[in-house]
Amino acid sequence: IKYDTAGSEKFKSKSGNRRCTFNYV
């Protein structure tokens, strides 16, 4: 399983939830 770090930054700033900072690719 890989993580999309660029997408995680988007997701993190959007949700503000530090528990879900990674998006699965």
PDB file of N, CA and C in Angstrom:
ATOM      1  N   ILE A   1       0.851  -1.202   0.000  1.00  0.00           N
ATOM      2  CA  ILE A   1       0.000   0.000   0.000  1.00  0.00           C
ATOM      3  C   ILE A   1       0.878   1.240   0.000  1.00  0.00           C
ATOM      4  N   LYS A   2       0.577   2.146  -0.921  1.00  0.00           N
ATOM      5  CA  LYS A   2       1.330   3.400  -0.973  1.00  0.00           C
ATOM      6  C   LYS A   2       0.437   4.548  -0.537  1.00  0.00           C
ATOM      7  N   TYR A   3       1.066   5.639  -0.146  1.00  0.00           N
ATOM      8  CA  TYR A   3       0.304   6.797   0.298  1.00  0.00           C
ATOM      9  C   TYR A   3       0.566   7.984  -0.612  1.00  0.00           C
ATOM     10  N   ASP A   4      -0.499   8.737  -0.877  1.00  0.00           N
ATOM     11  CA  ASP A   4      -0.361   9.927  -1.711  1.00  0.00           C
ATOM     12  C   ASP A   4      -0.156  11.120  -0.791  1.00  0.00           C
ATOM     13  N   THR A   5       1.090  11.534  -0.615  1.00  0.00           N
ATOM     14  CA  THR A   5       1.392  12.605   0.331  1.00  0.00           C
ATOM     15  C   THR A   5       0.844  13.939  -0.141  1.00  0.00           C
ATOM     16  N   ALA A   6       0.856  14.151  -1.452  1.00  0.00           N
ATOM     17  CA  ALA A   6       0.329  15.404  -1.998  1.00  0.00           C
ATOM     18  C   ALA A   6      -1.170  15.472  -1.743  1.00  0.00           C
ATOM     19  N   GLY A   7      -1.841  14.346  -1.949  1.00  0.00           N
ATOM     20  CA  GLY A   7      -3.276  14.287  -1.713  1.00  0.00           C
ATOM     21  C   GLY A   7      -3.586  14.401  -0.235  1.00  0.00           C
ATOM     22  N   SER A   8      -2.684  13.887   0.607  1.00  0.00           N
ATOM     23  CA  SER A   8      -2.914  13.927   2.046  1.00  0.00           C
ATOM     24  C   SER A   8      -2.876  15.356   2.563  1.00  0.00           C
ATOM     25  N   GLU A   9      -2.007  16.175   1.984  1.00  0.00           N
ATOM     26  CA  GLU A   9      -1.929  17.582   2.379  1.00  0.00           C
ATOM     27  C   GLU A   9      -3.242  18.278   2.068  1.00  0.00           C
ATOM     28  N   LYS A  10      -3.815  17.971   0.911  1.00  0.00           N
ATOM     29  CA  LYS A  10      -5.112  18.522   0.531  1.00  0.00           C
ATOM     30  C   LYS A  10      -6.176  18.064   1.517  1.00  0.00           C
ATOM     31  N   PHE A  11      -6.172  16.759   1.778  1.00  0.00           N
ATOM     32  CA  PHE A  11      -7.177  16.153   2.640  1.00  0.00           C
ATOM     33  C   PHE A  11      -7.063  16.691   4.062  1.00  0.00           C
ATOM     34  N   LYS A  12      -5.821  16.848   4.527  1.00  0.00           N
ATOM     35  CA  LYS A  12      -5.575  17.313   5.891  1.00  0.00           C
ATOM     36  C   LYS A  12      -6.062  18.740   6.074  1.00  0.00           C
ATOM     37  N   SER A  13      -5.727  19.619   5.128  1.00  0.00           N
ATOM     38  CA  SER A  13      -6.112  21.017   5.233  1.00  0.00           C
ATOM     39  C   SER A  13      -7.620  21.169   5.044  1.00  0.00           C
ATOM     40  N   LYS A  14      -8.205  20.244   4.292  1.00  0.00           N
ATOM     41  CA  LYS A  14      -9.640  20.310   4.020  1.00  0.00           C
ATOM     42  C   LYS A  14     -10.450  19.844   5.230  1.00  0.00           C
ATOM     43  N   SER A  15     -10.057  18.715   5.805  1.00  0.00           N
ATOM     44  CA  SER A  15     -10.815  18.146   6.906  1.00  0.00           C
ATOM     45  C   SER A  15     -10.317  18.648   8.255  1.00  0.00           C
ATOM     46  N   GLY A  16      -9.007  18.924   8.330  1.00  0.00           N
ATOM     47  CA  GLY A  16      -8.427  19.362   9.586  1.00  0.00           C
ATOM     48  C   GLY A  16      -8.301  18.215  10.569  1.00  0.00           C
ATOM     49  N   ASN A  17      -8.416  16.998  10.075  1.00  0.00           N
ATOM     50  CA  ASN A  17      -8.335  15.816  10.922  1.00  0.00           C
ATOM     51  C   ASN A  17      -6.961  15.178  10.775  1.00  0.00           C
ATOM     52  N   ARG A  18      -6.172  15.234  11.848  1.00  0.00           N
ATOM     53  CA  ARG A  18      -4.804  14.716  11.772  1.00  0.00           C
ATOM     54  C   ARG A  18      -4.785  13.189  11.783  1.00  0.00           C
ATOM     55  N   ARG A  19      -5.907  12.569  12.110  1.00  0.00           N
ATOM     56  CA  ARG A  19      -5.951  11.111  12.124  1.00  0.00           C
ATOM     57  C   ARG A  19      -6.026  10.560  10.708  1.00  0.00           C
ATOM     58  N   CYS A  20      -6.581  11.342   9.785  1.00  0.00           N
ATOM     59  CA  CYS A  20      -6.726  10.876   8.403  1.00  0.00           C
ATOM     60  C   CYS A  20      -5.918  11.783   7.495  1.00  0.00           C
ATOM     61  N   THR A  21      -4.611  11.639   7.539  1.00  0.00           N
ATOM     62  CA  THR A  21      -3.759  12.530   6.764  1.00  0.00           C
ATOM     63  C   THR A  21      -3.243  11.860   5.507  1.00  0.00           C
ATOM     64  N   PHE A  22      -3.567  10.564   5.327  1.00  0.00           N
ATOM     65  CA  PHE A  22      -3.058   9.853   4.157  1.00  0.00           C
ATOM     66  C   PHE A  22      -4.194   9.361   3.291  1.00  0.00           C
ATOM     67  N   ASN A  23      -4.012   9.465   1.997  1.00  0.00           N
ATOM     68  CA  ASN A  23      -4.975   8.926   1.040  1.00  0.00           C
ATOM     69  C   ASN A  23      -4.368   7.705   0.376  1.00  0.00           C
ATOM     70  N   TYR A  24      -5.131   6.640   0.294  1.00  0.00           N
ATOM     71  CA  TYR A  24      -4.627   5.425  -0.344  1.00  0.00           C
ATOM     72  C   TYR A  24      -4.578   5.601  -1.847  1.00  0.00           C
ATOM     73  N   VAL A  25      -3.528   5.083  -2.451  1.00  0.00           N
ATOM     74  CA  VAL A  25      -3.376   5.196  -3.903  1.00  0.00           C
ATOM     75  C   VAL A  25      -3.758   3.854  -4.537  1.00  0.00           C
TER      76      VAL A  25
END
